Amino acid sequence: MFPGGAPDLSQLMKQAQEMQQQLVAAQEELAATEVTGTAGGGLVSATMTGDGDLTALTIAPAAVDPDDLETLQDLVVAAVRDAKRTADELAASRMGPLAGGLGGPGGGLGLPGF
């Protein structure tokens, strides 16, 4: 009984458990999904999981100039940032709908002040 009445505690608990299961499933999916970021036209690529763990870094031989390590360092940072941005977007798309169920007054659960 939600509209105008006291919330049904068993219904709230059931809804919370379902949301927790969905959240765990989304987190597992993110951990199993890999995204890749690149820099320097593909000379450097960084691969990470959807939850942000860096799993691979690939540097093409053409990117290695012993007289210009600073450029290589910049390319590595840019590739990792690109992968992180992609991972963050993936996480937002997977987790956003779940977080939306918590938003609004009462956290979407009909509980005032939460």
N, C-alpha and C. Protein backbone atom coordinates (compact mmCIF):
# COMPACT_ATOMS: atom_id res chain seq x y z
N MET A 1 0.85 -1.17 0.00
CA MET A 1 0.00 0.00 0.00
C MET A 1 0.89 1.23 0.00
N PHE A 2 1.11 1.83 -1.16
CA PHE A 2 1.99 2.98 -1.26
C PHE A 2 1.25 4.30 -1.34
N PRO A 3 0.46 4.53 -2.40
CA PRO A 3 -0.12 5.86 -2.60
C PRO A 3 -1.00 6.27 -1.42
N GLY A 4 -0.57 7.30 -0.71
CA GLY A 4 -1.34 7.85 0.38
C GLY A 4 -1.31 7.05 1.66
N GLY A 5 -0.71 5.88 1.66
CA GLY A 5 -0.70 5.05 2.86
C GLY A 5 0.70 4.68 3.26
N ALA A 6 0.79 3.88 4.27
CA ALA A 6 2.09 3.42 4.75
C ALA A 6 2.68 2.41 3.76
N PRO A 7 3.99 2.46 3.56
CA PRO A 7 4.61 1.50 2.64
C PRO A 7 4.51 0.07 3.19
N ASP A 8 4.34 -0.86 2.27
CA ASP A 8 4.30 -2.28 2.61
C ASP A 8 5.74 -2.75 2.77
N LEU A 9 6.14 -3.05 3.99
CA LEU A 9 7.54 -3.39 4.29
C LEU A 9 8.02 -4.61 3.51
N SER A 10 7.18 -5.62 3.38
CA SER A 10 7.61 -6.82 2.65
C SER A 10 7.82 -6.50 1.17
N GLN A 11 7.00 -5.63 0.61
CA GLN A 11 7.16 -5.23 -0.79
C GLN A 11 8.46 -4.42 -0.95
N LEU A 12 8.74 -3.55 0.02
CA LEU A 12 9.97 -2.77 -0.03
C LEU A 12 11.20 -3.67 0.04
N MET A 13 11.16 -4.66 0.90
CA MET A 13 12.28 -5.60 1.04
C MET A 13 12.47 -6.39 -0.25
N LYS A 14 11.38 -6.83 -0.84
CA LYS A 14 11.46 -7.58 -2.09
C LYS A 14 12.07 -6.71 -3.19
N GLN A 15 11.61 -5.46 -3.27
CA GLN A 15 12.13 -4.54 -4.28
C GLN A 15 13.62 -4.29 -4.05
N ALA A 16 14.02 -4.11 -2.81
CA ALA A 16 15.43 -3.88 -2.49
C ALA A 16 16.29 -5.09 -2.86
N GLN A 17 15.80 -6.29 -2.59
CA GLN A 17 16.55 -7.50 -2.94
C GLN A 17 16.69 -7.65 -4.45
N GLU A 18 15.62 -7.34 -5.19
CA GLU A 18 15.68 -7.42 -6.65
C GLU A 18 16.68 -6.42 -7.20
N MET A 19 16.66 -5.20 -6.65
CA MET A 19 17.60 -4.19 -7.11
C MET A 19 19.04 -4.59 -6.79
N GLN A 20 19.25 -5.21 -5.63
CA GLN A 20 20.59 -5.67 -5.27
C GLN A 20 21.07 -6.75 -6.24
N GLN A 21 20.19 -7.67 -6.60
CA GLN A 21 20.55 -8.73 -7.55
C GLN A 21 20.89 -8.13 -8.91
N GLN A 22 20.11 -7.14 -9.34
CA GLN A 22 20.38 -6.49 -10.62
C GLN A 22 21.71 -5.74 -10.57
N LEU A 23 21.99 -5.12 -9.45
CA LEU A 23 23.24 -4.39 -9.29
C LEU A 23 24.43 -5.34 -9.36
N VAL A 24 24.35 -6.47 -8.67
CA VAL A 24 25.43 -7.46 -8.70
C VAL A 24 25.63 -7.98 -10.12
N ALA A 25 24.54 -8.27 -10.81
CA ALA A 25 24.64 -8.76 -12.19
C ALA A 25 25.29 -7.72 -13.10
N ALA A 26 24.93 -6.46 -12.93
CA ALA A 26 25.52 -5.39 -13.74
C ALA A 26 27.01 -5.24 -13.43
N GLN A 27 27.39 -5.35 -12.16
CA GLN A 27 28.80 -5.25 -11.79
C GLN A 27 29.59 -6.42 -12.37
N GLU A 28 29.03 -7.61 -12.36
CA GLU A 28 29.71 -8.77 -12.94
C GLU A 28 29.87 -8.60 -14.45
N GLU A 29 28.84 -8.06 -15.09
CA GLU A 29 28.91 -7.83 -16.53
C GLU A 29 30.00 -6.81 -16.85
N LEU A 30 30.08 -5.75 -16.06
CA LEU A 30 31.13 -4.75 -16.28
C LEU A 30 32.52 -5.36 -16.12
N ALA A 31 32.69 -6.18 -15.10
CA ALA A 31 34.00 -6.80 -14.86
C ALA A 31 34.41 -7.73 -15.99
N ALA A 32 33.43 -8.30 -16.69
CA ALA A 32 33.72 -9.25 -17.76
C ALA A 32 33.83 -8.58 -19.14
N THR A 33 33.49 -7.30 -19.22
CA THR A 33 33.51 -6.58 -20.49
C THR A 33 34.80 -5.78 -20.60
N GLU A 34 35.44 -5.84 -21.78
CA GLU A 34 36.65 -5.07 -22.00
C GLU A 34 36.40 -3.96 -23.00
N VAL A 35 37.02 -2.81 -22.76
CA VAL A 35 36.97 -1.68 -23.67
C VAL A 35 38.40 -1.28 -23.98
N THR A 36 38.60 -0.64 -25.13
CA THR A 36 39.93 -0.24 -25.55
C THR A 36 39.94 1.24 -25.89
N GLY A 37 40.97 1.91 -25.42
CA GLY A 37 41.20 3.30 -25.78
C GLY A 37 42.49 3.38 -26.58
N THR A 38 42.55 4.36 -27.48
CA THR A 38 43.74 4.50 -28.32
C THR A 38 44.24 5.93 -28.32
N ALA A 39 45.48 6.09 -28.76
CA ALA A 39 46.08 7.41 -28.92
C ALA A 39 47.10 7.33 -30.05
N GLY A 40 47.40 8.48 -30.60
CA GLY A 40 48.41 8.53 -31.66
C GLY A 40 48.00 7.77 -32.89
N GLY A 41 46.72 7.82 -33.22
CA GLY A 41 46.24 7.10 -34.41
C GLY A 41 46.38 5.60 -34.28
N GLY A 42 46.32 5.10 -33.06
CA GLY A 42 46.40 3.66 -32.84
C GLY A 42 47.79 3.16 -32.50
N LEU A 43 48.76 4.07 -32.38
CA LEU A 43 50.11 3.64 -32.02
C LEU A 43 50.17 3.07 -30.61
N VAL A 44 49.30 3.59 -29.74
CA VAL A 44 49.22 3.10 -28.37
C VAL A 44 47.77 2.77 -28.07
N SER A 45 47.55 1.59 -27.51
CA SER A 45 46.19 1.23 -27.10
C SER A 45 46.22 0.67 -25.69
N ALA A 46 45.15 0.99 -24.95
CA ALA A 46 45.01 0.51 -23.58
C ALA A 46 43.68 -0.21 -23.49
N THR A 47 43.70 -1.38 -22.88
CA THR A 47 42.48 -2.17 -22.70
C THR A 47 42.21 -2.29 -21.22
N MET A 48 40.95 -2.07 -20.85
CA MET A 48 40.57 -2.22 -19.45
C MET A 48 39.18 -2.81 -19.37
N THR A 49 38.88 -3.35 -18.21
CA THR A 49 37.55 -3.90 -17.98
C THR A 49 36.58 -2.75 -17.76
N GLY A 50 35.31 -3.07 -17.88
CA GLY A 50 34.28 -2.06 -17.68
C GLY A 50 34.28 -1.49 -16.28
N ASP A 51 34.87 -2.20 -15.33
CA ASP A 51 34.94 -1.67 -13.97
C ASP A 51 36.28 -1.00 -13.68
N GLY A 52 37.10 -0.78 -14.73
CA GLY A 52 38.27 0.07 -14.60
C GLY A 52 39.61 -0.58 -14.38
N ASP A 53 39.71 -1.90 -14.45
CA ASP A 53 41.01 -2.56 -14.30
C ASP A 53 41.74 -2.58 -15.64
N LEU A 54 42.95 -2.02 -15.66
CA LEU A 54 43.77 -2.02 -16.86
C LEU A 54 44.28 -3.44 -17.09
N THR A 55 43.99 -4.01 -18.28
CA THR A 55 44.37 -5.40 -18.55
C THR A 55 45.46 -5.53 -19.61
N ALA A 56 45.62 -4.51 -20.45
CA ALA A 56 46.65 -4.60 -21.49
C ALA A 56 47.04 -3.21 -21.96
N LEU A 57 48.28 -3.09 -22.36
CA LEU A 57 48.80 -1.87 -22.95
C LEU A 57 49.66 -2.28 -24.13
N THR A 58 49.32 -1.78 -25.30
CA THR A 58 50.04 -2.15 -26.52
C THR A 58 50.68 -0.90 -27.11
N ILE A 59 51.97 -1.01 -27.41
CA ILE A 59 52.71 0.11 -27.99
C ILE A 59 53.33 -0.37 -29.29
N ALA A 60 52.98 0.28 -30.38
CA ALA A 60 53.55 -0.06 -31.68
C ALA A 60 55.02 0.37 -31.71
N PRO A 61 55.88 -0.42 -32.34
CA PRO A 61 57.30 -0.06 -32.41
C PRO A 61 57.53 1.34 -32.97
N ALA A 62 56.68 1.78 -33.88
CA ALA A 62 56.84 3.11 -34.47
C ALA A 62 56.66 4.23 -33.45
N ALA A 63 56.03 3.92 -32.33
CA ALA A 63 55.80 4.94 -31.29
C ALA A 63 57.02 5.12 -30.39
N VAL A 64 57.98 4.22 -30.50
CA VAL A 64 59.13 4.25 -29.60
C VAL A 64 60.29 5.00 -30.27
N ASP A 65 60.57 6.17 -29.71
CA ASP A 65 61.72 6.96 -30.15
C ASP A 65 62.56 7.23 -28.91
N PRO A 66 63.73 6.61 -28.81
CA PRO A 66 64.55 6.78 -27.60
C PRO A 66 64.89 8.24 -27.30
N ASP A 67 64.85 9.08 -28.32
CA ASP A 67 65.16 10.49 -28.13
C ASP A 67 63.93 11.31 -27.76
N ASP A 68 62.76 10.69 -27.72
CA ASP A 68 61.52 11.42 -27.42
C ASP A 68 60.58 10.56 -26.58
N LEU A 69 61.02 10.20 -25.40
CA LEU A 69 60.19 9.37 -24.52
C LEU A 69 58.98 10.13 -24.00
N GLU A 70 59.08 11.44 -23.91
CA GLU A 70 57.96 12.24 -23.39
C GLU A 70 56.71 12.07 -24.26
N THR A 71 56.88 12.04 -25.56
CA THR A 71 55.73 11.84 -26.45
C THR A 71 55.10 10.48 -26.22
N LEU A 72 55.92 9.46 -26.07
CA LEU A 72 55.41 8.12 -25.81
C LEU A 72 54.64 8.09 -24.48
N GLN A 73 55.20 8.73 -23.48
CA GLN A 73 54.52 8.79 -22.19
C GLN A 73 53.16 9.48 -22.32
N ASP A 74 53.12 10.57 -23.08
CA ASP A 74 51.86 11.28 -23.30
C ASP A 74 50.84 10.40 -24.02
N LEU A 75 51.32 9.62 -24.99
CA LEU A 75 50.43 8.72 -25.73
C LEU A 75 49.86 7.64 -24.82
N VAL A 76 50.69 7.11 -23.94
CA VAL A 76 50.23 6.08 -23.00
C VAL A 76 49.14 6.66 -22.09
N VAL A 77 49.41 7.83 -21.54
CA VAL A 77 48.42 8.47 -20.66
C VAL A 77 47.12 8.73 -21.43
N ALA A 78 47.23 9.23 -22.65
CA ALA A 78 46.04 9.52 -23.45
C ALA A 78 45.24 8.26 -23.76
N ALA A 79 45.93 7.17 -24.07
CA ALA A 79 45.23 5.92 -24.37
C ALA A 79 44.52 5.38 -23.14
N VAL A 80 45.18 5.46 -21.99
CA VAL A 80 44.55 4.98 -20.75
C VAL A 80 43.34 5.86 -20.41
N ARG A 81 43.48 7.16 -20.57
CA ARG A 81 42.34 8.06 -20.31
C ARG A 81 41.19 7.76 -21.26
N ASP A 82 41.50 7.49 -22.52
CA ASP A 82 40.45 7.17 -23.49
C ASP A 82 39.73 5.89 -23.09
N ALA A 83 40.48 4.89 -22.68
CA ALA A 83 39.86 3.63 -22.23
C ALA A 83 39.03 3.86 -20.98
N LYS A 84 39.53 4.67 -20.06
CA LYS A 84 38.80 4.95 -18.82
C LYS A 84 37.49 5.68 -19.12
N ARG A 85 37.54 6.64 -20.03
CA ARG A 85 36.33 7.37 -20.42
C ARG A 85 35.30 6.40 -20.99
N THR A 86 35.75 5.50 -21.85
CA THR A 86 34.85 4.51 -22.43
C THR A 86 34.29 3.58 -21.36
N ALA A 87 35.14 3.16 -20.43
CA ALA A 87 34.68 2.29 -19.33
C ALA A 87 33.67 3.02 -18.46
N ASP A 88 33.91 4.30 -18.19
CA ASP A 88 32.97 5.09 -17.38
C ASP A 88 31.62 5.23 -18.08
N GLU A 89 31.65 5.45 -19.40
CA GLU A 89 30.41 5.55 -20.16
C GLU A 89 29.65 4.22 -20.13
N LEU A 90 30.38 3.13 -20.26
CA LEU A 90 29.76 1.81 -20.20
C LEU A 90 29.13 1.58 -18.83
N ALA A 91 29.87 1.92 -17.79
CA ALA A 91 29.35 1.75 -16.43
C ALA A 91 28.11 2.60 -16.21
N ALA A 92 28.13 3.82 -16.71
CA ALA A 92 26.97 4.70 -16.55
C ALA A 92 25.75 4.14 -17.28
N SER A 93 25.98 3.57 -18.46
CA SER A 93 24.85 3.02 -19.21
C SER A 93 24.29 1.76 -18.56
N ARG A 94 25.16 0.97 -17.93
CA ARG A 94 24.71 -0.27 -17.28
C ARG A 94 24.14 -0.01 -15.88
N MET A 95 24.78 0.90 -15.15
CA MET A 95 24.40 1.13 -13.76
C MET A 95 23.37 2.25 -13.63
N GLY A 96 23.31 3.15 -14.60
CA GLY A 96 22.39 4.28 -14.54
C GLY A 96 20.95 3.89 -14.31
N PRO A 97 20.43 2.93 -15.08
CA PRO A 97 19.03 2.54 -14.85
C PRO A 97 18.79 2.00 -13.45
N LEU A 98 19.79 1.35 -12.87
CA LEU A 98 19.63 0.83 -11.51
C LEU A 98 19.65 1.96 -10.50
N ALA A 99 20.54 2.92 -10.70
CA ALA A 99 20.60 4.06 -9.79
C ALA A 99 19.34 4.90 -9.91
N GLY A 100 18.74 4.93 -11.10
CA GLY A 100 17.51 5.68 -11.30
C GLY A 100 16.39 5.17 -10.43
N GLY A 101 16.41 3.89 -10.11
CA GLY A 101 15.39 3.32 -9.24
C GLY A 101 15.54 3.76 -7.81
N LEU A 102 16.68 4.38 -7.50
CA LEU A 102 16.92 4.84 -6.14
C LEU A 102 16.67 6.33 -5.99
N GLY A 103 16.49 7.03 -7.12
CA GLY A 103 16.39 8.48 -7.08
C GLY A 103 15.04 8.99 -6.64
N GLY A 104 14.98 10.31 -6.49
CA GLY A 104 13.73 10.97 -6.16
C GLY A 104 13.43 10.92 -4.68
N PRO A 105 12.34 11.60 -4.31
CA PRO A 105 11.95 11.61 -2.90
C PRO A 105 11.73 10.20 -2.38
N GLY A 106 12.29 9.94 -1.25
CA GLY A 106 12.13 8.62 -0.66
C GLY A 106 12.99 7.58 -1.34
N GLY A 107 13.93 8.03 -2.18
CA GLY A 107 14.82 7.10 -2.85
C GLY A 107 14.10 6.17 -3.80
N GLY A 108 12.88 6.54 -4.21
CA GLY A 108 12.13 5.69 -5.12
C GLY A 108 11.49 4.51 -4.41
N LEU A 109 11.71 4.43 -3.12
CA LEU A 109 11.17 3.31 -2.36
C LEU A 109 9.97 3.73 -1.51
N GLY A 110 9.60 5.02 -1.60
CA GLY A 110 8.46 5.49 -0.83
C GLY A 110 8.79 5.74 0.63
N LEU A 111 10.05 5.92 0.94
CA LEU A 111 10.46 6.17 2.32
C LEU A 111 10.83 7.64 2.47
N PRO A 112 10.09 8.40 3.24
CA PRO A 112 10.42 9.82 3.39
C PRO A 112 11.78 10.00 4.05
N GLY A 113 12.55 10.94 3.51
CA GLY A 113 13.83 11.27 4.10
C GLY A 113 14.97 10.35 3.72
N PHE A 114 14.74 9.39 2.86
CA PHE A 114 15.81 8.47 2.45
C PHE A 114 16.07 8.60 0.98
